[in-house]
Amino acid sequence: MVIERTSTADFDEVKAVLRECGLPEGNLCAADMGRFLVARSGRCVVGVAGMIIQGSCAVGHSLAVVPGFRGMGLGRLLANGLLDWSSTLGLGSIYLFTCQAEFYFRAMGFSVVEQGEVPETILMALSDLCDPGVFGAGHILHFRLETIFDRLAAGAENYGSYGIVEALQ
């Protein structure tokens, strides 16, 4: 299994994974592939995770693993990949929205936040990613990132502590 950033050549496979997992494709276009990670089994894309940068924050979205590859830790690898990528970029936080995986992300250290605690630009990005009518039915979660600078200042030798930063370089 390999986790890596996508290219425009992955566009159709990313859309197929989202469709198979029942997640919205929204306005996804080939140009968006520079902000996705994929999990590959051989040459097949079996998992995806996307990220949008809003100021000093990231918005994680579209984390999905096809049914035949669930339970193998790929979702966690993809989520950790988003954390690594965001941290390496020097971002301070990552937000995401979920209707079904609140407990999964809480177990990873995310906390549920109320809409009033979320910057307006983040709220707009999150609501744009959701199908109409879904946004009020789920939870917004937040994770404060230790940036590369925080970890280096604390004397860390390896700043990729979320798991897979080496795969993203």
N, C-alpha and C. Protein backbone atom coordinates (compact mmCIF):
# COMPACT_ATOMS: atom_id res chain seq x y z
N MET A 1 0.84 -1.17 0.00
CA MET A 1 0.00 0.00 0.00
C MET A 1 0.89 1.24 0.00
N VAL A 2 0.54 2.19 -0.82
CA VAL A 2 1.30 3.44 -0.93
C VAL A 2 0.35 4.61 -0.73
N ILE A 3 0.78 5.60 0.05
CA ILE A 3 0.05 6.86 0.20
C ILE A 3 0.87 7.92 -0.53
N GLU A 4 0.22 8.65 -1.44
CA GLU A 4 0.94 9.68 -2.18
C GLU A 4 0.00 10.79 -2.63
N ARG A 5 0.60 11.89 -3.03
CA ARG A 5 -0.20 12.99 -3.57
C ARG A 5 -0.68 12.62 -4.96
N THR A 6 -1.79 13.21 -5.33
CA THR A 6 -2.40 12.90 -6.62
C THR A 6 -1.87 13.81 -7.72
N SER A 7 -2.16 13.40 -8.94
CA SER A 7 -1.92 14.24 -10.12
C SER A 7 -3.22 14.28 -10.91
N THR A 8 -3.26 15.09 -11.92
CA THR A 8 -4.47 15.19 -12.73
C THR A 8 -4.85 13.85 -13.34
N ALA A 9 -3.89 12.97 -13.53
CA ALA A 9 -4.16 11.65 -14.09
C ALA A 9 -5.03 10.80 -13.16
N ASP A 10 -5.11 11.17 -11.88
CA ASP A 10 -5.89 10.40 -10.90
C ASP A 10 -7.34 10.86 -10.80
N PHE A 11 -7.72 11.88 -11.53
CA PHE A 11 -9.02 12.51 -11.39
C PHE A 11 -10.19 11.53 -11.46
N ASP A 12 -10.25 10.71 -12.49
CA ASP A 12 -11.37 9.78 -12.65
C ASP A 12 -11.42 8.76 -11.53
N GLU A 13 -10.26 8.28 -11.08
CA GLU A 13 -10.24 7.29 -10.00
C GLU A 13 -10.66 7.91 -8.67
N VAL A 14 -10.24 9.15 -8.41
CA VAL A 14 -10.66 9.83 -7.18
C VAL A 14 -12.17 10.00 -7.18
N LYS A 15 -12.73 10.45 -8.29
CA LYS A 15 -14.18 10.60 -8.38
C LYS A 15 -14.89 9.26 -8.19
N ALA A 16 -14.34 8.20 -8.75
CA ALA A 16 -14.95 6.87 -8.62
C ALA A 16 -14.96 6.41 -7.16
N VAL A 17 -13.88 6.67 -6.42
CA VAL A 17 -13.83 6.30 -5.00
C VAL A 17 -14.88 7.09 -4.22
N LEU A 18 -14.96 8.39 -4.45
CA LEU A 18 -15.96 9.21 -3.76
C LEU A 18 -17.37 8.70 -4.05
N ARG A 19 -17.62 8.41 -5.31
CA ARG A 19 -18.94 7.90 -5.71
C ARG A 19 -19.24 6.57 -5.02
N GLU A 20 -18.27 5.65 -5.04
CA GLU A 20 -18.47 4.33 -4.42
C GLU A 20 -18.72 4.44 -2.92
N CYS A 21 -18.13 5.44 -2.29
CA CYS A 21 -18.28 5.62 -0.84
C CYS A 21 -19.43 6.54 -0.46
N GLY A 22 -20.17 7.01 -1.46
CA GLY A 22 -21.34 7.85 -1.19
C GLY A 22 -21.02 9.26 -0.75
N LEU A 23 -19.84 9.76 -1.10
CA LEU A 23 -19.47 11.13 -0.75
C LEU A 23 -19.69 12.04 -1.95
N PRO A 24 -19.98 13.31 -1.70
CA PRO A 24 -20.25 14.23 -2.81
C PRO A 24 -19.00 14.52 -3.63
N GLU A 25 -19.18 14.60 -4.93
CA GLU A 25 -18.09 15.01 -5.82
C GLU A 25 -18.08 16.52 -5.95
N GLY A 26 -19.22 17.15 -5.70
CA GLY A 26 -19.33 18.60 -5.76
C GLY A 26 -18.80 19.16 -7.06
N ASN A 27 -18.03 20.21 -6.95
CA ASN A 27 -17.45 20.87 -8.11
C ASN A 27 -16.04 20.38 -8.39
N LEU A 28 -15.73 19.18 -7.98
CA LEU A 28 -14.39 18.62 -8.14
C LEU A 28 -13.97 18.63 -9.61
N CYS A 29 -12.76 19.13 -9.85
CA CYS A 29 -12.23 19.13 -11.21
C CYS A 29 -10.78 18.64 -11.18
N ALA A 30 -10.24 18.36 -12.34
CA ALA A 30 -8.88 17.80 -12.44
C ALA A 30 -7.85 18.71 -11.77
N ALA A 31 -8.06 20.02 -11.82
CA ALA A 31 -7.11 20.96 -11.20
C ALA A 31 -7.03 20.78 -9.68
N ASP A 32 -8.05 20.18 -9.07
CA ASP A 32 -8.07 19.96 -7.62
C ASP A 32 -7.16 18.82 -7.18
N MET A 33 -6.66 18.03 -8.11
CA MET A 33 -5.89 16.85 -7.74
C MET A 33 -4.60 17.18 -7.01
N GLY A 34 -4.11 18.39 -7.11
CA GLY A 34 -2.91 18.77 -6.37
C GLY A 34 -3.14 18.88 -4.88
N ARG A 35 -4.37 18.77 -4.43
CA ARG A 35 -4.68 18.89 -3.01
C ARG A 35 -5.33 17.63 -2.45
N PHE A 36 -5.04 16.50 -3.08
CA PHE A 36 -5.55 15.21 -2.60
C PHE A 36 -4.40 14.25 -2.35
N LEU A 37 -4.63 13.34 -1.41
CA LEU A 37 -3.78 12.17 -1.21
C LEU A 37 -4.58 10.96 -1.64
N VAL A 38 -3.88 9.95 -2.11
CA VAL A 38 -4.54 8.69 -2.43
C VAL A 38 -3.80 7.54 -1.77
N ALA A 39 -4.54 6.48 -1.48
CA ALA A 39 -3.97 5.21 -1.06
C ALA A 39 -4.09 4.30 -2.28
N ARG A 40 -2.98 3.68 -2.65
CA ARG A 40 -2.98 2.78 -3.80
C ARG A 40 -2.67 1.35 -3.38
N SER A 41 -3.38 0.45 -4.01
CA SER A 41 -3.07 -0.96 -3.93
C SER A 41 -2.67 -1.34 -5.35
N GLY A 42 -1.38 -1.56 -5.56
CA GLY A 42 -0.90 -1.72 -6.92
C GLY A 42 -1.08 -0.40 -7.64
N ARG A 43 -1.77 -0.43 -8.76
CA ARG A 43 -2.03 0.81 -9.50
C ARG A 43 -3.42 1.38 -9.25
N CYS A 44 -4.20 0.69 -8.42
CA CYS A 44 -5.59 1.10 -8.17
C CYS A 44 -5.69 2.05 -6.97
N VAL A 45 -6.46 3.11 -7.12
CA VAL A 45 -6.74 4.02 -6.01
C VAL A 45 -7.85 3.39 -5.18
N VAL A 46 -7.56 3.17 -3.88
CA VAL A 46 -8.53 2.52 -3.00
C VAL A 46 -8.94 3.42 -1.83
N GLY A 47 -8.32 4.59 -1.74
CA GLY A 47 -8.67 5.55 -0.70
C GLY A 47 -8.24 6.94 -1.11
N VAL A 48 -8.96 7.95 -0.59
CA VAL A 48 -8.66 9.34 -0.93
C VAL A 48 -8.85 10.24 0.28
N ALA A 49 -8.20 11.38 0.27
CA ALA A 49 -8.40 12.42 1.27
C ALA A 49 -7.98 13.74 0.65
N GLY A 50 -8.82 14.77 0.83
CA GLY A 50 -8.54 16.07 0.24
C GLY A 50 -8.30 17.13 1.29
N MET A 51 -7.71 18.24 0.84
CA MET A 51 -7.41 19.34 1.74
C MET A 51 -7.49 20.66 0.97
N ILE A 52 -8.08 21.65 1.62
CA ILE A 52 -8.12 23.01 1.11
C ILE A 52 -7.41 23.88 2.14
N ILE A 53 -6.61 24.82 1.69
CA ILE A 53 -5.93 25.74 2.61
C ILE A 53 -6.72 27.05 2.65
N GLN A 54 -7.03 27.46 3.87
CA GLN A 54 -7.73 28.72 4.14
C GLN A 54 -6.91 29.51 5.15
N GLY A 55 -6.10 30.43 4.68
CA GLY A 55 -5.26 31.20 5.59
C GLY A 55 -4.26 30.31 6.29
N SER A 56 -4.27 30.31 7.62
CA SER A 56 -3.33 29.48 8.39
C SER A 56 -3.94 28.14 8.79
N CYS A 57 -5.07 27.79 8.18
CA CYS A 57 -5.78 26.55 8.51
C CYS A 57 -5.96 25.68 7.28
N ALA A 58 -6.15 24.42 7.54
CA ALA A 58 -6.51 23.48 6.47
C ALA A 58 -7.93 23.00 6.73
N VAL A 59 -8.61 22.67 5.65
CA VAL A 59 -9.93 22.05 5.72
C VAL A 59 -9.78 20.67 5.09
N GLY A 60 -9.87 19.64 5.92
CA GLY A 60 -9.79 18.28 5.41
C GLY A 60 -11.16 17.85 4.91
N HIS A 61 -11.18 17.07 3.84
CA HIS A 61 -12.47 16.65 3.29
C HIS A 61 -12.31 15.37 2.48
N SER A 62 -13.42 14.76 2.19
CA SER A 62 -13.51 13.63 1.28
C SER A 62 -12.60 12.46 1.65
N LEU A 63 -12.49 12.18 2.94
CA LEU A 63 -11.71 11.02 3.37
C LEU A 63 -12.57 9.79 3.16
N ALA A 64 -12.11 8.90 2.28
CA ALA A 64 -12.90 7.72 1.92
C ALA A 64 -12.00 6.56 1.56
N VAL A 65 -12.41 5.37 1.98
CA VAL A 65 -11.72 4.13 1.61
C VAL A 65 -12.78 3.19 1.06
N VAL A 66 -12.50 2.58 -0.09
CA VAL A 66 -13.48 1.69 -0.70
C VAL A 66 -13.74 0.50 0.23
N PRO A 67 -14.98 -0.03 0.23
CA PRO A 67 -15.37 -1.07 1.18
C PRO A 67 -14.40 -2.26 1.29
N GLY A 68 -13.88 -2.75 0.22
CA GLY A 68 -13.00 -3.93 0.28
C GLY A 68 -11.66 -3.70 0.95
N PHE A 69 -11.33 -2.44 1.24
CA PHE A 69 -10.04 -2.11 1.86
C PHE A 69 -10.20 -1.44 3.23
N ARG A 70 -11.40 -1.44 3.76
CA ARG A 70 -11.63 -0.86 5.08
C ARG A 70 -11.13 -1.81 6.17
N GLY A 71 -10.83 -1.25 7.32
CA GLY A 71 -10.37 -2.07 8.45
C GLY A 71 -8.89 -2.40 8.39
N MET A 72 -8.17 -1.79 7.46
CA MET A 72 -6.73 -2.06 7.30
C MET A 72 -5.87 -0.88 7.76
N GLY A 73 -6.51 0.17 8.27
CA GLY A 73 -5.77 1.34 8.73
C GLY A 73 -5.51 2.38 7.65
N LEU A 74 -6.10 2.22 6.47
CA LEU A 74 -5.85 3.19 5.39
C LEU A 74 -6.46 4.55 5.69
N GLY A 75 -7.63 4.57 6.31
CA GLY A 75 -8.24 5.85 6.67
C GLY A 75 -7.35 6.62 7.62
N ARG A 76 -6.78 5.93 8.59
CA ARG A 76 -5.88 6.59 9.55
C ARG A 76 -4.62 7.08 8.84
N LEU A 77 -4.08 6.28 7.93
CA LEU A 77 -2.90 6.72 7.18
C LEU A 77 -3.20 7.96 6.35
N LEU A 78 -4.35 7.97 5.70
CA LEU A 78 -4.73 9.14 4.91
C LEU A 78 -4.94 10.37 5.80
N ALA A 79 -5.63 10.19 6.93
CA ALA A 79 -5.84 11.30 7.86
C ALA A 79 -4.51 11.80 8.41
N ASN A 80 -3.63 10.89 8.80
CA ASN A 80 -2.30 11.29 9.27
C ASN A 80 -1.52 11.99 8.17
N GLY A 81 -1.72 11.55 6.93
CA GLY A 81 -1.07 12.22 5.81
C GLY A 81 -1.52 13.67 5.68
N LEU A 82 -2.82 13.92 5.87
CA LEU A 82 -3.31 15.30 5.84
C LEU A 82 -2.71 16.12 6.98
N LEU A 83 -2.59 15.49 8.16
CA LEU A 83 -2.00 16.19 9.30
C LEU A 83 -0.53 16.52 9.03
N ASP A 84 0.21 15.55 8.50
CA ASP A 84 1.62 15.78 8.16
C ASP A 84 1.76 16.88 7.13
N TRP A 85 0.98 16.78 6.08
CA TRP A 85 1.05 17.74 4.99
C TRP A 85 0.75 19.15 5.51
N SER A 86 -0.31 19.28 6.30
CA SER A 86 -0.68 20.58 6.86
C SER A 86 0.41 21.13 7.77
N SER A 87 0.95 20.26 8.60
CA SER A 87 2.00 20.68 9.52
C SER A 87 3.25 21.10 8.77
N THR A 88 3.62 20.36 7.76
CA THR A 88 4.80 20.68 6.96
C THR A 88 4.64 22.03 6.27
N LEU A 89 3.42 22.38 5.92
CA LEU A 89 3.15 23.68 5.31
C LEU A 89 3.13 24.82 6.34
N GLY A 90 3.26 24.47 7.62
CA GLY A 90 3.27 25.47 8.67
C GLY A 90 1.89 25.94 9.10
N LEU A 91 0.86 25.18 8.76
CA LEU A 91 -0.50 25.55 9.14
C LEU A 91 -0.72 25.24 10.62
N GLY A 92 -1.61 25.98 11.26
CA GLY A 92 -1.80 25.82 12.70
C GLY A 92 -2.93 24.91 13.10
N SER A 93 -3.91 24.71 12.20
CA SER A 93 -5.09 23.91 12.54
C SER A 93 -5.63 23.23 11.31
N ILE A 94 -6.38 22.16 11.56
CA ILE A 94 -7.13 21.53 10.49
C ILE A 94 -8.56 21.32 11.00
N TYR A 95 -9.51 21.67 10.17
CA TYR A 95 -10.92 21.47 10.46
C TYR A 95 -11.48 20.45 9.49
N LEU A 96 -12.53 19.76 9.90
CA LEU A 96 -13.25 18.89 8.99
C LEU A 96 -14.69 18.76 9.46
N PHE A 97 -15.50 18.25 8.56
CA PHE A 97 -16.92 18.05 8.84
C PHE A 97 -17.24 16.59 8.60
N THR A 98 -18.02 16.00 9.50
CA THR A 98 -18.43 14.61 9.30
C THR A 98 -19.84 14.39 9.83
N CYS A 99 -20.55 13.53 9.14
CA CYS A 99 -21.87 13.09 9.61
C CYS A 99 -21.78 11.73 10.28
N GLN A 100 -20.74 10.96 9.96
CA GLN A 100 -20.69 9.57 10.39
C GLN A 100 -19.45 9.16 11.18
N ALA A 101 -18.38 9.97 11.13
CA ALA A 101 -17.12 9.50 11.70
C ALA A 101 -16.61 10.35 12.86
N GLU A 102 -17.53 10.97 13.59
CA GLU A 102 -17.12 11.82 14.71
C GLU A 102 -16.24 11.06 15.70
N PHE A 103 -16.64 9.86 16.11
CA PHE A 103 -15.88 9.11 17.12
C PHE A 103 -14.52 8.68 16.59
N TYR A 104 -14.45 8.37 15.32
CA TYR A 104 -13.19 7.99 14.67
C TYR A 104 -12.18 9.14 14.79
N PHE A 105 -12.62 10.35 14.43
CA PHE A 105 -11.72 11.49 14.46
C PHE A 105 -11.43 11.95 15.89
N ARG A 106 -12.39 11.80 16.77
CA ARG A 106 -12.13 12.14 18.18
C ARG A 106 -11.05 11.23 18.75
N ALA A 107 -11.06 9.96 18.35
CA ALA A 107 -10.03 9.02 18.81
C ALA A 107 -8.64 9.42 18.29
N MET A 108 -8.60 10.18 17.20
CA MET A 108 -7.32 10.65 16.65
C MET A 108 -6.88 11.97 17.28
N GLY A 109 -7.68 12.54 18.17
CA GLY A 109 -7.30 13.78 18.84
C GLY A 109 -8.05 15.01 18.38
N PHE A 110 -8.98 14.86 17.45
CA PHE A 110 -9.81 15.99 17.04
C PHE A 110 -10.84 16.27 18.13
N SER A 111 -11.26 17.54 18.24
CA SER A 111 -12.34 17.88 19.16
C SER A 111 -13.50 18.50 18.39
N VAL A 112 -14.70 18.21 18.87
CA VAL A 112 -15.90 18.79 18.28
C VAL A 112 -15.95 20.26 18.66
N VAL A 113 -16.25 21.12 17.69
CA VAL A 113 -16.39 22.55 17.95
C VAL A 113 -17.74 23.02 17.43
N GLU A 114 -18.25 24.05 18.05
CA GLU A 114 -19.52 24.65 17.62
C GLU A 114 -19.25 25.60 16.46
N GLN A 115 -20.26 25.80 15.62
CA GLN A 115 -20.10 26.68 14.46
C GLN A 115 -19.60 28.07 14.85
N GLY A 116 -20.06 28.57 15.99
CA GLY A 116 -19.65 29.90 16.44
C GLY A 116 -18.18 30.02 16.77
N GLU A 117 -17.50 28.89 16.97
CA GLU A 117 -16.08 28.88 17.30
C GLU A 117 -15.19 28.78 16.06
N VAL A 118 -15.81 28.64 14.89
CA VAL A 118 -15.07 28.38 13.66
C VAL A 118 -15.00 29.66 12.83
N PRO A 119 -13.80 30.01 12.33
CA PRO A 119 -13.71 31.20 11.47
C PRO A 119 -14.67 31.12 10.28
N GLU A 120 -15.22 32.25 9.90
CA GLU A 120 -16.22 32.30 8.83
C GLU A 120 -15.71 31.70 7.52
N THR A 121 -14.45 31.94 7.17
CA THR A 121 -13.91 31.38 5.91
C THR A 121 -13.89 29.86 5.94
N ILE A 122 -13.63 29.30 7.12
CA ILE A 122 -13.62 27.84 7.28
C ILE A 122 -15.04 27.31 7.17
N LEU A 123 -15.99 27.98 7.83
CA LEU A 123 -17.40 27.56 7.73
C LEU A 123 -17.87 27.55 6.28
N MET A 124 -17.51 28.59 5.54
CA MET A 124 -17.92 28.66 4.14
C MET A 124 -17.31 27.53 3.33
N ALA A 125 -16.02 27.24 3.56
CA ALA A 125 -15.36 26.15 2.84
C ALA A 125 -16.01 24.81 3.18
N LEU A 126 -16.28 24.59 4.46
CA LEU A 126 -16.91 23.33 4.87
C LEU A 126 -18.30 23.18 4.26
N SER A 127 -19.10 24.23 4.30
CA SER A 127 -20.46 24.13 3.75
C SER A 127 -20.44 23.97 2.24
N ASP A 128 -19.46 24.56 1.56
CA ASP A 128 -19.34 24.39 0.11
C ASP A 128 -19.02 22.95 -0.28
N LEU A 129 -18.36 22.22 0.61
CA LEU A 129 -17.97 20.84 0.33
C LEU A 129 -19.11 19.84 0.54
N CYS A 130 -20.14 20.26 1.25
CA CYS A 130 -21.24 19.36 1.61
C CYS A 130 -22.40 19.47 0.63
N ASP A 131 -23.14 18.39 0.52
CA ASP A 131 -24.39 18.44 -0.23
C ASP A 131 -25.35 19.37 0.52
N PRO A 132 -26.20 20.10 -0.21
CA PRO A 132 -27.16 20.99 0.47
C PRO A 132 -28.01 20.22 1.49
N GLY A 133 -28.22 20.83 2.62
CA GLY A 133 -29.04 20.22 3.66
C GLY A 133 -28.30 19.31 4.61
N VAL A 134 -27.06 18.94 4.30
CA VAL A 134 -26.30 18.01 5.13
C VAL A 134 -25.52 18.74 6.21
N PHE A 135 -25.11 19.96 5.94
CA PHE A 135 -24.18 20.65 6.84
C PHE A 135 -24.69 20.75 8.27
N GLY A 136 -25.97 20.98 8.48
CA GLY A 136 -26.50 21.08 9.83
C GLY A 136 -26.66 19.75 10.53
N ALA A 137 -26.48 18.64 9.82
CA ALA A 137 -26.73 17.32 10.39
C ALA A 137 -25.49 16.62 10.93
N GLY A 138 -24.34 17.26 10.84
CA GLY A 138 -23.11 16.60 11.27
C GLY A 138 -22.36 17.41 12.30
N HIS A 139 -21.07 17.16 12.38
CA HIS A 139 -20.21 17.79 13.38
C HIS A 139 -18.98 18.39 12.72
N ILE A 140 -18.57 19.54 13.22
CA ILE A 140 -17.31 20.15 12.81
C ILE A 140 -16.28 19.74 13.85
N LEU A 141 -15.14 19.28 13.37
CA LEU A 141 -14.07 18.87 14.27
C LEU A 141 -12.82 19.70 13.99
N HIS A 142 -12.00 19.86 15.01
CA HIS A 142 -10.80 20.70 14.93
C HIS A 142 -9.61 19.96 15.53
N PHE A 143 -8.46 20.16 14.94
CA PHE A 143 -7.20 19.61 15.45
C PHE A 143 -6.16 20.70 15.37
N ARG A 144 -5.54 21.03 16.50
CA ARG A 144 -4.45 22.01 16.49
C ARG A 144 -3.17 21.28 16.15
N LEU A 145 -2.53 21.73 15.11
CA LEU A 145 -1.30 21.09 14.65
C LEU A 145 -0.09 21.64 15.37
N GLU A 146 0.82 20.74 15.67
CA GLU A 146 2.14 21.19 16.06
C GLU A 146 2.85 21.39 14.74
N THR A 147 3.20 22.59 14.44
CA THR A 147 3.87 22.83 13.17
C THR A 147 5.30 22.31 13.23
N ILE A 148 5.89 22.20 12.08
CA ILE A 148 7.28 21.80 11.99
C ILE A 148 8.14 22.70 12.87
N PHE A 149 7.79 23.99 12.92
CA PHE A 149 8.57 24.94 13.70
C PHE A 149 8.42 24.68 15.20
N ASP A 150 7.20 24.34 15.64
CA ASP A 150 6.97 24.00 17.04
C ASP A 150 7.82 22.81 17.44
N ARG A 151 7.80 21.78 16.60
CA ARG A 151 8.50 20.55 16.93
C ARG A 151 10.01 20.72 16.88
N LEU A 152 10.51 21.46 15.89
CA LEU A 152 11.95 21.70 15.82
C LEU A 152 12.42 22.54 17.01
N ALA A 153 11.61 23.54 17.39
CA ALA A 153 11.96 24.38 18.54
C ALA A 153 12.00 23.56 19.82
N ALA A 154 11.18 22.50 19.89
CA ALA A 154 11.16 21.65 21.08
C ALA A 154 12.26 20.59 21.02
N GLY A 155 13.06 20.60 19.96
CA GLY A 155 14.18 19.67 19.88
C GLY A 155 13.87 18.37 19.18
N ALA A 156 12.74 18.29 18.50
CA ALA A 156 12.39 17.05 17.81
C ALA A 156 13.35 16.82 16.64
N GLU A 157 13.78 15.59 16.47
CA GLU A 157 14.66 15.25 15.35
C GLU A 157 13.85 14.96 14.10
N ASN A 158 12.67 14.37 14.26
CA ASN A 158 11.83 14.00 13.12
C ASN A 158 10.53 14.76 13.22
N TYR A 159 10.31 15.68 12.29
CA TYR A 159 9.10 16.49 12.38
C TYR A 159 7.88 15.78 11.81
N GLY A 160 8.02 14.61 11.25
CA GLY A 160 6.88 13.89 10.66
C GLY A 160 6.17 13.02 11.66
N SER A 161 5.84 13.54 12.83
CA SER A 161 5.31 12.71 13.91
C SER A 161 3.90 12.23 13.69
N TYR A 162 3.18 12.72 12.69
CA TYR A 162 1.83 12.23 12.47
C TYR A 162 1.84 10.96 11.63
N GLY A 163 2.96 10.60 11.06
CA GLY A 163 3.02 9.29 10.45
C GLY A 163 3.66 9.14 9.10
N ILE A 164 3.39 9.98 8.12
CA ILE A 164 3.88 9.64 6.78
C ILE A 164 4.41 10.82 6.00
N VAL A 165 4.96 11.83 6.65
CA VAL A 165 5.41 13.01 5.92
C VAL A 165 6.42 12.67 4.83
N GLU A 166 7.20 11.64 5.02
CA GLU A 166 8.22 11.28 4.03
C GLU A 166 7.58 10.95 2.68
N ALA A 167 6.41 10.40 2.68
CA ALA A 167 5.73 10.04 1.43
C ALA A 167 5.24 11.26 0.67
N LEU A 168 5.17 12.41 1.32
CA LEU A 168 4.61 13.60 0.70
C LEU A 168 5.67 14.53 0.15
N GLN A 169 6.93 14.22 0.36
CA GLN A 169 7.99 15.13 -0.10
C GLN A 169 8.27 14.95 -1.57
